[in-house]
Amino acid sequence: MADIKKNIAVLILAAGSSSRMGRPKQLLPWKDTTLLGTILKKSKLSCPTEIVVVLGAYAERIKSEIEKDEYILLVNKNWESGLGGSLAFGITHILENRKGLDGVLVLLGDQPFVDEDFIETMIKTFYENEKGIVATSYGKKVGVPALFSRDYFNELIGLEGDSGAKFLLQEYEDDIIPLTAGTVTLDIDTPQDYEQLKSRY
């Protein structure tokens, strides 16, 4: 797997304003780091070609707390246009600077339960099957984390609005391998979410 992983880039979306949280949730303390720091650390363990982080709101504050030499930090000035726009922004950068990628793994900056084992499973499943997307199961639906093959790069670049990759995941459901994830799907949006999950885990 070591050589194979060199053809996968990781794209972490962390551009939101955390309006329901009332402060940058990317920087909320989580174990020995922050929410975003947790995702960065676990992504790094999967040894991808590169890790790209899309920032927007609070970009300067977040940049000051990240080891810039280890990650590519992008600032989407139009982050308010929504998740889809930030996803397209990140994919565009990756394709302009990396050739020959097999796929891009899309992660969110507020899902601290995504661990290296789940990332490894996604990558392994991607290479062992012929389908173009490996996505996380949310019951009857699928979502991110999701790994998209190069066949979808052009469509990812065209995304806009706040739906992220939802449209693609619905449009191409026959080309998706869903993975059951357990707590991986838990995210943090409100102070109540944060306090409850922090006390439980």
Protein backbone atom coordinates (compact mmCIF):
# COMPACT_ATOMS: atom_id res chain seq x y z
CA MET A 1 0.00 0.00 0.00
CA ALA A 2 2.87 2.43 0.56
CA ASP A 3 3.47 3.03 -3.15
CA ILE A 4 -0.22 3.10 -3.98
CA LYS A 5 -0.96 5.80 -1.44
CA LYS A 6 1.36 8.18 -3.22
CA ASN A 7 -1.34 8.58 -5.87
CA ILE A 8 -3.99 9.84 -3.44
CA ALA A 9 -4.30 13.44 -2.26
CA VAL A 10 -6.27 14.45 0.82
CA LEU A 11 -8.46 17.55 0.72
CA ILE A 12 -9.71 18.86 4.06
CA LEU A 13 -12.52 21.42 4.02
CA ALA A 14 -12.31 23.81 6.96
CA ALA A 15 -13.51 27.13 5.57
CA GLY A 16 -16.78 27.62 7.44
CA SER A 17 -17.60 30.34 9.95
CA SER A 18 -18.93 27.97 12.64
CA SER A 19 -22.00 30.21 13.03
CA ARG A 20 -23.84 27.77 15.28
CA MET A 21 -20.78 27.28 17.46
CA GLY A 22 -20.14 30.98 17.98
CA ARG A 23 -16.36 30.59 17.65
CA PRO A 24 -13.98 28.81 15.25
CA LYS A 25 -14.73 25.14 15.81
CA GLN A 26 -11.62 24.24 13.82
CA LEU A 27 -9.62 25.44 16.83
CA LEU A 28 -11.68 23.85 19.61
CA PRO A 29 -9.45 21.80 21.93
CA TRP A 30 -9.68 18.06 21.27
CA LYS A 31 -7.46 15.68 23.20
CA ASP A 32 -3.89 16.94 22.77
CA THR A 33 -4.63 19.24 19.84
CA THR A 34 -7.68 20.82 18.13
CA LEU A 35 -10.53 19.49 15.99
CA LEU A 36 -8.70 20.42 12.81
CA GLY A 37 -5.37 19.30 14.26
CA THR A 38 -6.87 15.87 14.92
CA ILE A 39 -7.95 15.47 11.29
CA LEU A 40 -4.56 16.66 10.07
CA LYS A 41 -2.69 14.24 12.28
CA LYS A 42 -4.79 11.24 11.24
CA SER A 43 -4.62 12.19 7.56
CA LYS A 44 -0.85 12.37 7.72
CA LEU A 45 -0.67 8.79 9.02
CA SER A 46 -2.20 7.56 5.75
CA CYS A 47 0.86 8.86 3.86
CA PRO A 48 -0.99 10.60 1.00
CA THR A 49 0.74 12.38 -1.84
CA GLU A 50 -0.15 15.66 -0.18
CA ILE A 51 -2.63 17.17 2.24
CA VAL A 52 -4.46 20.32 1.16
CA VAL A 53 -6.54 22.34 3.62
CA VAL A 54 -9.08 24.88 2.40
CA LEU A 55 -9.61 27.72 4.88
CA GLY A 56 -11.94 30.71 4.69
CA ALA A 57 -13.37 32.32 7.79
CA TYR A 58 -10.76 32.75 10.53
CA ALA A 59 -8.06 31.80 8.01
CA GLU A 60 -5.28 33.82 9.63
CA ARG A 61 -6.06 32.56 13.12
CA ILE A 62 -6.10 28.96 11.94
CA LYS A 63 -2.94 29.34 9.86
CA SER A 64 -1.07 30.59 12.92
CA GLU A 65 -1.76 27.28 14.69
CA ILE A 66 -0.88 24.86 11.89
CA GLU A 67 2.58 23.61 10.96
CA LYS A 68 2.61 25.14 7.50
CA ASP A 69 5.56 23.12 6.23
CA GLU A 70 3.59 19.88 6.47
CA TYR A 71 0.40 20.94 4.72
CA ILE A 72 -0.72 23.10 1.83
CA LEU A 73 -3.00 25.81 3.20
CA LEU A 74 -5.34 27.54 0.78
CA VAL A 75 -7.63 30.47 1.54
CA ASN A 76 -10.90 30.56 -0.37
CA LYS A 77 -11.89 34.23 -0.33
CA ASN A 78 -15.36 33.22 -1.54
CA TRP A 79 -15.88 30.71 1.28
CA GLU A 80 -19.33 32.16 2.00
CA SER A 81 -20.57 30.71 -1.29
CA GLY A 82 -20.69 27.34 0.45
CA LEU A 83 -19.08 23.94 0.80
CA GLY A 84 -19.32 23.14 -2.91
CA GLY A 85 -17.32 26.23 -3.82
CA SER A 86 -14.56 25.37 -1.33
CA LEU A 87 -14.45 21.81 -2.63
CA ALA A 88 -14.12 23.02 -6.22
CA PHE A 89 -11.47 25.54 -5.14
CA GLY A 90 -9.37 22.84 -3.48
CA ILE A 91 -9.70 20.34 -6.33
CA THR A 92 -8.68 23.01 -8.85
CA HIS A 93 -5.49 23.70 -6.93
CA ILE A 94 -4.66 20.01 -6.62
CA LEU A 95 -5.11 19.36 -10.33
CA GLU A 96 -3.02 22.38 -11.28
CA ASN A 97 -0.14 21.17 -9.15
CA ARG A 98 -0.35 17.37 -9.16
CA LYS A 99 -0.50 15.17 -12.22
CA GLY A 100 -1.32 11.49 -12.37
CA LEU A 101 -3.38 11.24 -9.22
CA ASP A 102 -5.67 8.24 -8.90
CA GLY A 103 -8.07 10.00 -6.60
CA VAL A 104 -8.78 12.64 -3.98
CA LEU A 105 -10.05 11.86 -0.49
CA VAL A 106 -12.35 14.60 0.81
CA LEU A 107 -12.57 15.12 4.58
CA LEU A 108 -14.27 17.69 6.80
CA GLY A 109 -12.51 19.60 9.53
CA ASP A 110 -15.21 18.91 12.14
CA GLN A 111 -15.28 15.10 12.20
CA PRO A 112 -12.66 14.16 14.81
CA PHE A 113 -13.70 10.50 14.88
CA VAL A 114 -12.38 9.85 11.40
CA ASP A 115 -9.27 7.83 12.18
CA GLU A 116 -6.35 6.38 10.27
CA ASP A 117 -7.96 2.92 10.17
CA PHE A 118 -11.04 4.27 8.41
CA ILE A 119 -8.89 6.25 5.97
CA GLU A 120 -6.80 3.14 5.28
CA THR A 121 -9.98 1.13 4.68
CA MET A 122 -11.27 3.72 2.22
CA ILE A 123 -8.03 3.69 0.24
CA LYS A 124 -7.78 -0.10 0.29
CA THR A 125 -11.39 -0.47 -0.85
CA PHE A 126 -10.83 2.07 -3.61
CA TYR A 127 -7.92 0.13 -5.08
CA GLU A 128 -9.50 -3.30 -4.69
CA ASN A 129 -12.68 -2.40 -6.61
CA GLU A 130 -13.53 -0.96 -9.98
CA LYS A 131 -16.07 1.60 -8.83
CA GLY A 132 -15.12 5.26 -8.89
CA ILE A 133 -16.28 6.46 -5.47
CA VAL A 134 -15.89 5.17 -1.94
CA ALA A 135 -18.18 7.06 0.44
CA THR A 136 -19.30 6.95 4.05
CA SER A 137 -22.70 5.44 4.81
CA TYR A 138 -25.20 7.57 6.71
CA GLY A 139 -27.99 5.02 6.79
CA LYS A 140 -29.90 5.39 3.54
CA LYS A 141 -27.56 8.09 2.27
CA VAL A 142 -23.82 8.44 1.72
CA GLY A 143 -21.53 11.39 2.30
CA VAL A 144 -18.05 12.46 3.24
CA PRO A 145 -15.48 11.27 3.98
CA ALA A 146 -15.50 10.25 0.33
CA LEU A 147 -12.78 9.22 -2.08
CA PHE A 148 -13.32 10.22 -5.72
CA SER A 149 -11.43 8.74 -8.65
CA ARG A 150 -9.89 10.95 -11.31
CA ASP A 151 -12.98 10.33 -13.47
CA TYR A 152 -14.86 12.79 -11.28
CA PHE A 153 -12.30 15.60 -11.07
CA ASN A 154 -13.90 17.74 -13.77
CA GLU A 155 -17.30 17.51 -12.14
CA LEU A 156 -15.88 18.31 -8.72
CA ILE A 157 -14.34 21.47 -10.16
CA GLY A 158 -17.78 22.57 -11.29
CA LEU A 159 -19.43 22.36 -7.86
CA GLU A 160 -20.89 25.44 -6.22
CA GLY A 161 -23.26 26.38 -3.44
CA ASP A 162 -23.56 24.68 -0.08
CA SER A 163 -24.41 21.13 -1.09
CA GLY A 164 -20.80 20.03 -1.49
CA ALA A 165 -20.51 16.71 -3.32
CA LYS A 166 -24.08 15.71 -2.45
CA PHE A 167 -25.24 16.06 -6.06
CA LEU A 168 -22.50 13.79 -7.39
CA LEU A 169 -23.16 11.18 -4.74
CA GLN A 170 -26.82 11.12 -5.70
CA GLU A 171 -26.22 11.24 -9.45
CA TYR A 172 -23.69 8.41 -9.49
CA GLU A 173 -24.98 6.16 -6.73
CA ASP A 174 -24.41 3.08 -8.90
CA ASP A 175 -20.68 3.85 -8.94
CA ILE A 176 -20.35 4.10 -5.16
CA ILE A 177 -19.08 1.67 -2.56
CA PRO A 178 -20.59 2.70 0.81
CA LEU A 179 -18.62 2.02 3.98
CA THR A 180 -20.25 1.66 7.38
CA ALA A 181 -18.51 4.04 9.75
CA GLY A 182 -20.01 4.05 13.24
CA THR A 183 -18.89 7.13 15.18
CA VAL A 184 -16.91 8.40 12.18
CA THR A 185 -20.04 10.17 10.96
CA LEU A 186 -20.40 12.29 14.10
CA ASP A 187 -19.61 15.95 13.57
CA ILE A 188 -19.62 18.98 15.83
CA ASP A 189 -21.82 21.99 15.05
CA THR A 190 -22.98 23.46 18.35
CA PRO A 191 -21.54 24.02 21.85
CA GLN A 192 -23.86 21.24 23.05
CA ASP A 193 -22.46 18.81 20.46
CA TYR A 194 -18.95 19.70 21.54
CA GLU A 195 -19.51 19.28 25.27
CA GLN A 196 -21.45 16.03 24.90
CA LEU A 197 -18.97 14.37 22.58
CA LYS A 198 -15.96 15.59 24.52
CA SER A 199 -17.36 14.13 27.73
CA ARG A 200 -18.28 10.81 26.06
CA TYR A 201 -15.01 10.29 24.21
